[in-house]
Amino acid sequence: MSELPSSTFDFIIVGAGSAGCTLAARLTEHEHYRVCLIEAGGKDSNPLIHIPFGLALLSRFKAINWNYNTLAQPHLNNRELYWPRGKTLGGSSAINAMCYIRGVPQDYDNWAQHGANGWDWDSVLPYFKKSEDQQRGADPFHGVGGPLGVDDLRCVNPMSQSFVDAATEVGVPVNVDFNGAEHEGLGLYQVTHKNGERCSTAKCFLALAQQRKSFTLVTHALVEKILINDNRAHGVAIKVNGQSQTLGAQNEVILCAGAVNSPQLLMLSGVGPKEHLVERGIKVERDVAGVGQNLQDHLDAIVQYRCKSKESYAVALAKLPRYVQAAFNYWRKRNDILSSNIAEAGGFVRSDFATDVPDIQYHFLPAILQDHGRQTALGYGFGLHICNLYPKSRGTITLASADPTQPAIIDPQYLSHPDDQKVMIDGIRKGRAILQSQGFAQYQGEEVLPGAGKDSEEQLLAFIQQHAQTIYHPVGTCKMGADKDDMAVVDEQLNVRGIMGLRVADASVFPRLVGGNTNAPTIMVAERAADFIHQQYQLA
């Protein structure tokens, strides 16, 4: 929309993704405050967003995706990696695999120990529960009545069940709740679904805000910079349909644009490493060295099988009648194959290098995935995604130029720390043992990647270097930390250091990656941000 009912608001939120939609819903619970949410993409009207199985095709729709690419990665054969990020209402929660994972308590205790005071497990658990509408009911770890549907899968492929059943054979437990008392083991993922449909933050949180008169949503709007004067944020400059506008914020501007776009926007606005800003011809409003630093992501390698069994989700003519039946069942009851998130099973195990918590995560797919789903892979098969949960490698987000339409430079520096290579190799070996268990013999599979017989460290490292990709969990580029930490961008209440009226509330504030998928923790951060704002402005 290009016509706004007002040009001044109490709060302006940048980015209608996992955090932004959550924050908008919570702030508009107080209807006398005017809240404006700005999104660069459009409405989440693509039906494949809402049908869970549509995940397989979403990467082909460029209009709902930022379609980023990294710099050539020297430790991955100088490949540029594709980085999809959501560019639609719901952000990446509208295009992700919907696995609901929080990480382990030690993740958050570690945040607190390293300067994020008040972000220990006991402090964040109530906010996870606040968001949640847990299908299984409330218990000490789970909540009911929140906007976010967390459900059991309505369809589980036999191959996915075989993956879980392999647990005892490889010496790990079966885990029925990865977000309960224990994290380790193999099991079926719970998913962010409601009534068999994707429950993105647009569907569950933003829908609440849109019912309130104090709320304004602006779509197809690129925020070009934050307006800062005398060390205070006063609003934003945006471009909508080619027209430049300014919007004022009487209280705060809150960045919820993600681990790539939040640091980019800070730097475009003059908040970031001084020398870098000067090089790009940007006026320095505040020298904050940590902006764009500390980039972390989960690198993913796939052990891929082809098989003779027709149980897998495949692109094959013989499967067409089954898919027609599944479509009919989904239309009637919201179940069957189309209700599957495809990544139905997975788990958490310890590599030989782990300390006190699992450091490897698996996502099992009863399908062949090629190039993030951008290419069609014919035939039957299954694959195991393997990632190192706690990489030691650190990368950067920097500006290509002062032009806000130019993508930032993404340089994750994957595998730059040699320990990351060792953990990935061990994770592949342990993952292979699962796929070679007795339960998988019935599917008559043949390993095509890395390939049978390739088991030396040198061969497996070469496979990783040639084939590994992101599993879509970038964090850390506006790190939260203590005053004494020169690389901390925001304080423990998410205020940008040295700039009043400006916060960041998204995955970019994570000091360190959590041991799992990042969507649920991002929503938790936004829930906490809303409470900080309520307390500061006495919105209770």
Protein backbone atom coordinates (compact mmCIF):
# COMPACT_ATOMS: atom_id res chain seq x y z
CA MET A 1 0.00 0.00 0.00
CA SER A 2 1.26 3.49 -0.77
CA GLU A 3 -1.28 5.68 1.02
CA LEU A 4 -0.80 5.80 4.77
CA PRO A 5 -3.38 6.99 7.30
CA SER A 6 -0.57 8.78 9.12
CA SER A 7 3.11 9.56 8.67
CA THR A 8 3.87 9.37 12.40
CA PHE A 9 3.61 6.37 14.68
CA ASP A 10 4.64 5.43 18.18
CA PHE A 11 6.54 2.35 17.04
CA ILE A 12 7.87 1.43 13.61
CA ILE A 13 8.85 -2.20 13.06
CA VAL A 14 11.05 -3.01 10.06
CA GLY A 15 10.49 -6.50 8.66
CA ALA A 16 7.30 -8.60 8.81
CA GLY A 17 9.09 -11.88 9.40
CA SER A 18 9.28 -14.28 12.33
CA ALA A 19 10.15 -11.52 14.81
CA GLY A 20 8.34 -8.56 13.25
CA CYS A 21 4.92 -10.21 13.07
CA THR A 22 5.28 -11.43 16.66
CA LEU A 23 6.25 -7.99 17.92
CA ALA A 24 3.45 -6.27 16.00
CA ALA A 25 0.86 -8.56 17.58
CA ARG A 26 2.15 -7.98 21.09
CA LEU A 27 2.54 -4.19 20.83
CA THR A 28 -0.93 -3.72 19.32
CA GLU A 29 -2.46 -5.44 22.32
CA HIS A 30 -2.34 -1.86 23.68
CA GLU A 31 -4.57 -0.18 21.16
CA HIS A 32 -3.78 3.43 22.12
CA TYR A 33 -0.28 2.96 20.67
CA ARG A 34 0.08 3.36 16.92
CA VAL A 35 2.24 0.64 15.39
CA CYS A 36 3.48 0.50 11.80
CA LEU A 37 4.98 -2.68 10.35
CA ILE A 38 6.97 -2.36 7.12
CA GLU A 39 7.69 -5.29 4.80
CA ALA A 40 9.78 -5.28 1.62
CA GLY A 41 7.83 -8.18 0.14
CA GLY A 42 4.15 -8.65 -0.53
CA LYS A 43 1.29 -10.64 0.93
CA ASP A 44 1.66 -14.35 1.64
CA SER A 45 -0.89 -15.21 -1.03
CA ASN A 46 1.01 -18.02 -2.74
CA PRO A 47 -1.01 -21.16 -1.85
CA LEU A 48 2.16 -23.26 -1.66
CA ILE A 49 3.17 -21.27 1.41
CA HIS A 50 0.20 -22.61 3.33
CA ILE A 51 0.25 -26.23 2.11
CA PRO A 52 3.14 -27.80 4.05
CA PHE A 53 4.24 -30.06 1.18
CA GLY A 54 4.48 -26.95 -1.00
CA LEU A 55 7.83 -26.38 0.70
CA ALA A 56 9.36 -28.53 -2.04
CA LEU A 57 8.65 -25.83 -4.64
CA LEU A 58 8.86 -22.55 -2.74
CA SER A 59 12.49 -21.84 -3.65
CA ARG A 60 11.40 -21.50 -7.29
CA PHE A 61 9.28 -18.43 -6.55
CA LYS A 62 11.70 -15.51 -6.55
CA ALA A 63 9.07 -12.93 -5.57
CA ILE A 64 8.83 -14.33 -2.02
CA ASN A 65 12.57 -14.66 -1.50
CA TRP A 66 15.56 -12.31 -1.23
CA ASN A 67 17.56 -14.87 -3.27
CA TYR A 68 20.90 -14.00 -1.72
CA ASN A 69 24.24 -15.54 -2.57
CA THR A 70 27.39 -15.58 -0.48
CA LEU A 71 30.86 -14.58 -1.51
CA ALA A 72 32.94 -17.42 -2.93
CA GLN A 73 33.88 -19.55 0.05
CA PRO A 74 37.59 -20.49 0.06
CA HIS A 75 37.03 -23.62 2.18
CA LEU A 76 34.18 -24.83 -0.04
CA ASN A 77 36.02 -24.93 -3.36
CA ASN A 78 35.35 -21.21 -3.89
CA ARG A 79 31.65 -21.85 -4.39
CA GLU A 80 29.07 -19.09 -3.94
CA LEU A 81 26.26 -20.53 -1.82
CA TYR A 82 22.59 -19.76 -2.33
CA TRP A 83 20.97 -18.17 0.74
CA PRO A 84 17.16 -18.05 0.56
CA ARG A 85 15.53 -15.66 3.03
CA GLY A 86 11.80 -14.96 3.19
CA LYS A 87 10.56 -11.80 1.49
CA THR A 88 6.84 -11.92 2.19
CA LEU A 89 4.54 -11.63 5.18
CA GLY A 90 5.87 -14.13 7.68
CA GLY A 91 9.41 -13.83 6.33
CA SER A 92 11.41 -17.04 6.57
CA SER A 93 8.66 -18.62 8.70
CA ALA A 94 6.64 -18.64 5.46
CA ILE A 95 9.21 -20.64 3.51
CA ASN A 96 11.01 -22.79 6.12
CA ALA A 97 10.59 -26.50 6.89
CA MET A 98 8.42 -25.73 9.95
CA CYS A 99 10.44 -27.81 12.45
CA TYR A 100 9.79 -26.53 15.97
CA ILE A 101 13.07 -26.67 17.90
CA ARG A 102 14.33 -24.42 20.69
CA GLY A 103 17.84 -25.69 21.39
CA VAL A 104 19.02 -26.83 24.81
CA PRO A 105 19.01 -24.98 28.14
CA GLN A 106 22.81 -24.76 28.03
CA ASP A 107 22.56 -22.59 24.89
CA TYR A 108 20.82 -19.82 26.76
CA ASP A 109 22.79 -20.24 29.96
CA ASN A 110 25.84 -19.77 27.73
CA TRP A 111 24.37 -16.53 26.37
CA ALA A 112 23.97 -15.23 29.91
CA GLN A 113 27.45 -16.32 30.97
CA HIS A 114 28.95 -14.41 28.04
CA GLY A 115 27.28 -11.10 28.74
CA ALA A 116 23.62 -11.44 27.74
CA ASN A 117 22.44 -10.96 31.29
CA GLY A 118 18.90 -12.21 31.91
CA TRP A 119 18.82 -14.54 28.88
CA ASP A 120 19.46 -17.78 30.76
CA TRP A 121 17.17 -20.77 30.23
CA ASP A 122 14.94 -20.11 33.22
CA SER A 123 14.37 -16.57 31.94
CA VAL A 124 13.55 -17.47 28.32
CA LEU A 125 11.44 -20.61 28.86
CA PRO A 126 8.30 -18.66 29.85
CA TYR A 127 8.47 -16.79 26.53
CA PHE A 128 8.69 -19.99 24.50
CA LYS A 129 5.63 -21.22 26.36
CA LYS A 130 3.81 -17.91 25.93
CA SER A 131 3.94 -18.18 22.13
CA GLU A 132 2.98 -21.81 22.00
CA ASP A 133 -0.29 -23.62 21.43
CA GLN A 134 0.99 -27.15 22.01
CA GLN A 135 -1.28 -29.83 20.57
CA ARG A 136 -0.27 -32.30 23.30
CA GLY A 137 -1.26 -29.91 26.08
CA ALA A 138 0.56 -27.90 28.72
CA ASP A 139 3.38 -29.24 30.88
CA PRO A 140 6.49 -27.75 32.51
CA PHE A 141 8.08 -27.30 29.07
CA HIS A 142 5.08 -26.38 26.91
CA GLY A 143 2.26 -23.89 26.79
CA VAL A 144 -1.23 -23.77 25.31
CA GLY A 145 -3.33 -20.88 24.13
CA GLY A 146 -0.53 -18.97 22.41
CA PRO A 147 -0.79 -17.92 18.77
CA LEU A 148 1.80 -20.37 17.40
CA GLY A 149 0.43 -23.80 16.60
CA VAL A 150 2.88 -26.61 17.48
CA ASP A 151 1.48 -29.91 16.26
CA ASP A 152 2.38 -33.51 15.60
CA LEU A 153 2.62 -34.41 11.93
CA ARG A 154 -0.56 -35.73 10.34
CA CYS A 155 1.40 -37.77 7.82
CA VAL A 156 4.59 -39.76 8.43
CA ASN A 157 6.31 -41.60 5.60
CA PRO A 158 7.35 -45.21 6.41
CA MET A 159 10.95 -44.26 5.63
CA SER A 160 10.83 -41.53 8.27
CA GLN A 161 9.59 -44.07 10.81
CA SER A 162 12.42 -46.41 9.80
CA PHE A 163 14.86 -43.60 10.56
CA VAL A 164 13.47 -43.24 14.08
CA ASP A 165 13.38 -47.00 14.59
CA ALA A 166 17.10 -47.18 13.77
CA ALA A 167 17.92 -45.36 17.02
CA THR A 168 18.41 -48.42 19.19
CA GLU A 169 20.56 -50.10 16.55
CA VAL A 170 23.01 -47.17 16.51
CA GLY A 171 22.96 -46.72 20.28
CA VAL A 172 20.95 -43.52 20.73
CA PRO A 173 17.53 -43.08 22.38
CA VAL A 174 14.23 -42.51 20.67
CA ASN A 175 13.07 -39.01 21.56
CA VAL A 176 9.37 -38.15 21.51
CA ASP A 177 9.90 -34.47 22.40
CA PHE A 178 13.05 -32.64 21.36
CA ASN A 179 11.84 -29.64 23.38
CA GLY A 180 11.24 -31.53 26.59
CA ALA A 181 13.52 -32.74 29.34
CA GLU A 182 15.95 -34.43 26.95
CA HIS A 183 17.28 -33.20 23.60
CA GLU A 184 19.34 -36.15 22.43
CA GLY A 185 18.05 -38.97 20.22
CA LEU A 186 16.11 -39.63 17.04
CA GLY A 187 12.44 -38.86 16.59
CA LEU A 188 9.71 -37.17 14.61
CA TYR A 189 9.73 -33.39 14.56
CA GLN A 190 6.83 -31.38 15.83
CA VAL A 191 5.94 -28.66 13.36
CA THR A 192 4.52 -25.14 13.30
CA HIS A 193 1.17 -26.22 11.87
CA LYS A 194 -2.41 -25.48 12.69
CA ASN A 195 -5.18 -27.64 11.27
CA GLY A 196 -2.78 -29.27 8.84
CA GLU A 197 -1.56 -25.96 7.40
CA ARG A 198 1.63 -23.98 7.85
CA CYS A 199 1.39 -21.72 10.88
CA SER A 200 3.74 -18.89 9.88
CA THR A 201 4.01 -15.83 12.10
CA ALA A 202 1.91 -13.99 9.53
CA LYS A 203 -0.89 -16.47 9.96
CA CYS A 204 -0.83 -16.64 13.74
CA PHE A 205 0.63 -13.36 15.05
CA LEU A 206 0.14 -10.80 12.28
CA ALA A 207 -3.49 -11.85 11.86
CA LEU A 208 -4.10 -10.65 15.43
CA ALA A 209 -2.51 -7.25 14.79
CA GLN A 210 -4.50 -6.75 11.59
CA GLN A 211 -7.73 -6.83 13.58
CA ARG A 212 -6.70 -3.72 15.54
CA LYS A 213 -7.35 -0.12 14.51
CA SER A 214 -4.03 1.13 15.85
CA PHE A 215 -2.08 -1.02 13.41
CA THR A 216 -0.76 -0.09 9.96
CA LEU A 217 0.89 -2.55 7.56
CA VAL A 218 2.98 -1.31 4.64
CA THR A 219 4.04 -3.90 2.06
CA HIS A 220 6.35 -3.67 -0.97
CA ALA A 221 8.30 -0.99 0.89
CA LEU A 222 12.09 -0.87 1.03
CA VAL A 223 13.45 0.84 4.12
CA GLU A 224 16.43 2.82 2.87
CA LYS A 225 17.71 4.16 6.17
CA ILE A 226 16.87 4.93 9.77
CA LEU A 227 16.55 8.65 10.42
CA ILE A 228 18.95 9.51 13.24
CA ASN A 229 19.55 12.91 14.79
CA ASP A 230 21.51 13.73 17.95
CA ASN A 231 22.02 10.02 18.67
CA ARG A 232 18.30 9.28 18.53
CA ALA A 233 16.23 7.39 15.94
CA HIS A 234 13.27 9.50 14.78
CA GLY A 235 11.86 7.39 11.95
CA VAL A 236 12.69 5.75 8.64
CA ALA A 237 13.05 6.70 4.99
CA ILE A 238 11.22 4.25 2.73
CA LYS A 239 10.49 3.78 -0.96
CA VAL A 240 7.07 2.46 -1.95
CA ASN A 241 6.18 1.96 -5.61
CA GLY A 242 9.08 4.18 -6.57
CA GLN A 243 7.96 6.98 -4.28
CA SER A 244 10.13 8.16 -1.38
CA GLN A 245 8.45 8.77 1.96
CA THR A 246 9.51 9.36 5.55
CA LEU A 247 7.73 7.93 8.55
CA GLY A 248 8.23 9.25 12.05
CA ALA A 249 8.56 7.20 15.21
CA GLN A 250 7.77 9.02 18.44
CA ASN A 251 9.05 6.21 20.65
CA GLU A 252 11.13 3.65 18.77
CA VAL A 253 12.26 2.10 15.52
CA ILE A 254 12.68 -1.67 15.96
CA LEU A 255 14.66 -3.69 13.41
CA CYS A 256 13.31 -7.18 12.77
CA ALA A 257 14.86 -7.58 9.34
CA GLY A 258 17.06 -10.58 10.09
CA ALA A 259 20.72 -11.47 10.28
CA VAL A 260 21.47 -10.04 6.82
CA ASN A 261 19.23 -7.01 6.53
CA SER A 262 19.30 -5.65 10.08
CA PRO A 263 23.07 -5.04 10.11
CA GLN A 264 22.89 -3.77 6.54
CA LEU A 265 20.26 -1.21 7.49
CA LEU A 266 22.19 -0.11 10.57
CA MET A 267 25.27 0.51 8.45
CA LEU A 268 23.31 2.32 5.74
CA SER A 269 22.07 4.58 8.54
CA GLY A 270 25.54 5.36 9.84
CA VAL A 271 25.70 2.87 12.71
CA GLY A 272 28.55 0.40 12.36
CA PRO A 273 32.32 0.03 12.05
CA LYS A 274 33.62 3.56 11.43
CA GLU A 275 36.29 2.73 8.85
CA HIS A 276 33.89 0.61 6.79
CA LEU A 277 31.23 3.32 6.76
CA VAL A 278 33.74 5.97 5.73
CA GLU A 279 34.95 3.72 2.89
CA ARG A 280 31.37 3.54 1.62
CA GLY A 281 30.85 7.31 1.89
CA ILE A 282 28.34 7.06 4.72
CA LYS A 283 28.12 9.65 7.48
CA VAL A 284 29.02 8.02 10.78
CA GLU A 285 26.31 8.47 13.39
CA ARG A 286 27.82 5.98 15.82
CA ASP A 287 30.95 3.85 15.66
CA VAL A 288 29.72 0.38 16.64
CA ALA A 289 32.41 -2.12 15.70
CA GLY A 290 30.31 -5.28 16.02
CA VAL A 291 27.66 -4.46 13.42
CA GLY A 292 27.87 -7.14 10.72
CA GLN A 293 30.47 -9.18 12.60
CA ASN A 294 30.03 -12.53 14.39
CA LEU A 295 28.04 -14.13 11.54
CA GLN A 296 27.31 -17.81 12.23
CA ASP A 297 25.34 -20.38 10.29
CA HIS A 298 24.72 -24.11 10.23
CA LEU A 299 26.46 -25.73 7.26
CA ASP A 300 24.64 -28.78 5.91
CA ALA A 301 25.83 -31.87 4.05
CA ILE A 302 23.44 -34.44 2.57
CA VAL A 303 24.09 -38.18 2.46
CA GLN A 304 21.89 -39.02 -0.53
CA TYR A 305 20.50 -42.41 -1.54
CA ARG A 306 18.58 -43.58 -4.56
CA CYS A 307 16.36 -46.60 -4.02
CA LYS A 308 14.08 -49.10 -5.71
CA SER A 309 11.31 -48.81 -3.14
CA LYS A 310 8.42 -46.59 -4.16
CA GLU A 311 7.71 -45.43 -0.60
CA SER A 312 9.59 -42.14 -1.01
CA TYR A 313 8.12 -38.82 -2.06
CA ALA A 314 9.27 -38.83 -5.67
CA VAL A 315 8.82 -37.07 -8.97
CA ALA A 316 7.70 -40.16 -10.89
CA LEU A 317 4.81 -40.96 -13.18
CA ALA A 318 3.88 -44.01 -11.14
CA LYS A 319 3.27 -41.79 -8.08
CA LEU A 320 0.75 -39.56 -9.83
CA PRO A 321 -2.40 -41.50 -8.77
CA ARG A 322 -1.17 -41.44 -5.16
CA TYR A 323 -0.64 -37.66 -5.28
CA VAL A 324 -4.09 -37.14 -6.76
CA GLN A 325 -5.58 -39.15 -3.89
CA ALA A 326 -3.48 -37.16 -1.40
CA ALA A 327 -4.68 -33.86 -2.83
CA PHE A 328 -8.28 -34.99 -2.43
CA ASN A 329 -7.64 -36.06 1.15
CA TYR A 330 -5.94 -32.77 1.96
CA TRP A 331 -8.82 -30.79 0.49
CA ARG A 332 -11.28 -32.75 2.65
CA LYS A 333 -9.40 -33.33 5.91
CA ARG A 334 -6.08 -31.45 5.75
CA ASN A 335 -4.12 -34.68 6.13
CA ASP A 336 -2.16 -37.17 4.02
CA ILE A 337 0.99 -36.38 2.04
CA LEU A 338 0.29 -32.68 1.43
CA SER A 339 0.25 -32.07 5.20
CA SER A 340 3.84 -33.31 5.46
CA ASN A 341 6.76 -30.91 5.91
CA ILE A 342 8.91 -33.56 4.13
CA ALA A 343 11.62 -33.21 6.82
CA GLU A 344 9.50 -35.36 9.12
CA ALA A 345 12.19 -37.06 11.18
CA GLY A 346 15.56 -36.12 12.57
CA GLY A 347 17.47 -35.89 15.76
CA PHE A 348 20.44 -34.81 17.80
CA VAL A 349 23.56 -36.86 18.47
CA ARG A 350 27.04 -36.31 19.85
CA SER A 351 30.07 -36.39 17.63
CA ASP A 352 33.33 -37.76 18.97
CA PHE A 353 34.26 -34.14 19.68
CA ALA A 354 31.15 -33.17 21.66
CA THR A 355 31.33 -31.97 25.24
CA ASP A 356 28.19 -31.83 27.35
CA VAL A 357 25.45 -31.55 24.68
CA PRO A 358 24.70 -33.04 21.24
CA ASP A 359 26.56 -31.16 18.51
CA ILE A 360 25.09 -32.83 15.40
CA GLN A 361 21.56 -32.39 14.04
CA TYR A 362 19.88 -34.59 11.44
CA HIS A 363 16.97 -33.83 9.13
CA PHE A 364 15.80 -36.95 7.30
CA LEU A 365 13.95 -36.54 3.99
CA PRO A 366 12.21 -39.48 2.29
CA ALA A 367 12.95 -37.75 -1.01
CA ILE A 368 15.75 -36.53 -3.26
CA LEU A 369 16.47 -32.83 -2.81
CA GLN A 370 18.56 -31.10 -5.45
CA ASP A 371 19.81 -27.50 -5.26
CA HIS A 372 17.41 -26.46 -2.46
CA GLY A 373 14.50 -27.74 -4.57
CA ARG A 374 15.28 -25.37 -7.44
CA GLN A 375 15.98 -28.33 -9.75
CA THR A 376 13.76 -31.32 -10.34
CA ALA A 377 15.23 -34.62 -9.20
CA LEU A 378 13.51 -37.57 -10.85
CA GLY A 379 13.16 -40.96 -9.22
CA TYR A 380 12.98 -42.53 -5.78
CA GLY A 381 15.35 -41.94 -2.91
CA PHE A 382 16.01 -40.57 0.55
CA GLY A 383 18.60 -38.34 2.16
CA LEU A 384 19.99 -37.31 5.50
CA HIS A 385 20.90 -33.68 6.15
CA ILE A 386 23.76 -33.37 8.63
CA CYS A 387 24.94 -30.18 10.33
CA ASN A 388 27.41 -29.13 13.01
CA LEU A 389 25.35 -27.28 15.61
CA TYR A 390 28.16 -25.25 17.17
CA PRO A 391 30.52 -24.06 14.44
CA LYS A 392 33.58 -22.10 15.50
CA SER A 393 33.90 -20.35 12.15
CA ARG A 394 32.77 -16.71 12.06
CA GLY A 395 31.87 -14.54 9.09
CA THR A 396 30.69 -11.05 8.25
CA ILE A 397 27.96 -8.97 6.65
CA THR A 398 29.35 -5.83 4.99
CA LEU A 399 28.06 -3.22 2.58
CA ALA A 400 28.66 -3.52 -1.14
CA SER A 401 27.82 0.17 -1.45
CA ALA A 402 25.76 2.95 0.11
CA ASP A 403 22.92 2.05 -2.26
CA PRO A 404 20.13 0.37 -0.23
CA THR A 405 18.96 -1.57 -3.28
CA GLN A 406 22.28 -3.42 -3.50
CA PRO A 407 22.47 -6.67 -1.49
CA ALA A 408 24.92 -6.82 1.37
CA ILE A 409 28.10 -8.86 1.03
CA ILE A 410 27.57 -12.18 2.83
CA ASP A 411 30.78 -13.96 3.84
CA PRO A 412 30.10 -16.81 6.30
CA GLN A 413 33.67 -18.14 6.13
CA TYR A 414 32.37 -21.71 6.39
CA LEU A 415 34.88 -24.28 7.67
CA SER A 416 37.52 -21.62 8.27
CA HIS A 417 38.04 -23.20 11.70
CA PRO A 418 39.52 -26.70 11.31
CA ASP A 419 37.43 -28.10 14.19
CA ASP A 420 34.29 -27.57 12.12
CA GLN A 421 35.64 -29.87 9.45
CA LYS A 422 36.25 -32.66 11.97
CA VAL A 423 32.74 -32.47 13.43
CA MET A 424 31.10 -32.53 9.99
CA ILE A 425 33.11 -35.58 8.93
CA ASP A 426 32.18 -37.44 12.11
CA GLY A 427 28.54 -36.47 11.68
CA ILE A 428 28.53 -37.98 8.19
CA ARG A 429 29.98 -41.25 9.47
CA LYS A 430 27.40 -41.50 12.23
CA GLY A 431 24.60 -40.57 9.85
CA ARG A 432 25.66 -43.25 7.40
CA ALA A 433 25.39 -45.85 10.15
CA ILE A 434 21.72 -44.95 10.55
CA LEU A 435 21.01 -45.25 6.83
CA GLN A 436 22.83 -48.60 6.73
CA SER A 437 20.79 -50.04 9.61
CA GLN A 438 18.64 -53.14 9.15
CA GLY A 439 15.41 -51.16 8.84
CA PHE A 440 16.58 -49.48 5.65
CA ALA A 441 17.50 -52.72 3.87
CA GLN A 442 13.90 -53.11 2.69
CA TYR A 443 14.20 -49.97 0.56
CA GLN A 444 17.07 -51.38 -1.54
CA GLY A 445 18.97 -48.14 -1.49
CA GLU A 446 22.30 -47.19 -3.05
CA GLU A 447 24.38 -44.31 -1.72
CA VAL A 448 25.14 -41.79 -4.45
CA LEU A 449 26.61 -39.02 -2.24
CA PRO A 450 29.28 -39.08 -0.93
CA GLY A 451 29.32 -42.47 -2.69
CA ALA A 452 29.97 -46.02 -1.58
CA GLY A 453 33.54 -46.63 -0.49
CA LYS A 454 34.36 -42.99 0.15
CA ASP A 455 35.14 -43.00 3.84
CA SER A 456 38.57 -41.53 4.39
CA GLU A 457 38.83 -38.12 6.03
CA GLU A 458 40.23 -36.71 2.80
CA GLN A 459 37.37 -38.09 0.70
CA LEU A 460 34.66 -36.93 3.08
CA LEU A 461 36.17 -33.47 3.41
CA ALA A 462 36.33 -33.22 -0.38
CA PHE A 463 32.64 -34.19 -0.52
CA ILE A 464 31.73 -31.50 2.01
CA GLN A 465 33.77 -28.88 0.19
CA GLN A 466 32.03 -29.66 -3.08
CA HIS A 467 28.45 -30.21 -1.92
CA ALA A 468 27.69 -28.63 1.49
CA GLN A 469 25.13 -25.84 1.64
CA THR A 470 23.43 -23.67 4.24
CA ILE A 471 20.54 -25.07 6.22
CA TYR A 472 19.23 -21.51 6.62
CA HIS A 473 20.15 -20.50 10.18
CA PRO A 474 22.20 -17.26 9.99
CA VAL A 475 22.51 -15.39 13.29
CA GLY A 476 24.74 -13.15 15.35
CA THR A 477 25.42 -10.04 13.26
CA CYS A 478 23.99 -7.57 15.80
CA LYS A 479 25.26 -9.44 18.81
CA MET A 480 23.78 -8.89 22.26
CA GLY A 481 26.26 -8.47 25.09
CA ALA A 482 27.60 -6.60 28.09
CA ASP A 483 28.79 -2.99 28.14
CA LYS A 484 32.41 -4.11 28.40
CA ASP A 485 32.11 -6.16 25.18
CA ASP A 486 33.31 -3.91 22.37
CA MET A 487 31.69 -6.19 19.78
CA ALA A 488 28.22 -6.09 21.36
CA VAL A 489 25.75 -4.15 19.21
CA VAL A 490 22.74 -4.27 21.54
CA ASP A 491 22.40 -4.46 25.31
CA GLU A 492 20.45 -7.10 27.21
CA GLN A 493 17.19 -5.25 26.47
CA LEU A 494 18.07 -5.14 22.76
CA ASN A 495 18.74 -1.38 22.62
CA VAL A 496 21.36 -0.37 20.05
CA ARG A 497 24.32 1.01 21.96
CA GLY A 498 24.65 4.78 21.78
CA ILE A 499 21.41 5.37 19.84
CA MET A 500 18.20 6.09 21.72
CA GLY A 501 14.87 4.90 20.38
CA LEU A 502 16.42 2.06 18.35
CA ARG A 503 16.30 -1.67 19.03
CA VAL A 504 17.06 -4.86 17.15
CA ALA A 505 14.87 -7.89 17.87
CA ASP A 506 15.61 -10.84 15.58
CA ALA A 507 18.13 -13.64 15.10
CA SER A 508 20.92 -11.15 14.50
CA VAL A 509 21.09 -10.50 18.27
CA PHE A 510 21.95 -14.13 19.13
CA PRO A 511 25.44 -14.08 20.65
CA ARG A 512 25.90 -17.68 19.56
CA LEU A 513 24.02 -20.23 17.49
CA VAL A 514 21.62 -22.44 19.38
CA GLY A 515 21.65 -26.21 19.06
CA GLY A 516 18.86 -26.48 16.51
CA ASN A 517 16.54 -24.63 14.17
CA THR A 518 16.33 -20.88 14.76
CA ASN A 519 12.69 -19.97 14.11
CA ALA A 520 11.31 -20.68 17.58
CA PRO A 521 14.18 -18.82 19.34
CA THR A 522 13.64 -15.82 17.05
CA ILE A 523 9.98 -15.68 18.04
CA MET A 524 11.06 -15.90 21.68
CA VAL A 525 13.37 -12.90 21.22
CA ALA A 526 10.47 -10.86 19.83
CA GLU A 527 8.22 -11.90 22.73
CA ARG A 528 10.86 -10.65 25.17
CA ALA A 529 11.36 -7.44 23.22
CA ALA A 530 7.65 -6.71 23.52
CA ASP A 531 7.83 -7.12 27.28
CA PHE A 532 10.87 -4.84 27.51
CA ILE A 533 8.92 -2.19 25.61
CA HIS A 534 5.82 -2.69 27.74
CA GLN A 535 7.90 -2.15 30.86
CA GLN A 536 9.74 0.91 29.54
CA TYR A 537 6.63 2.69 28.30
CA GLN A 538 4.35 1.31 31.02
CA LEU A 539 2.01 -0.37 28.57
CA ALA A 540 0.73 -2.86 31.12
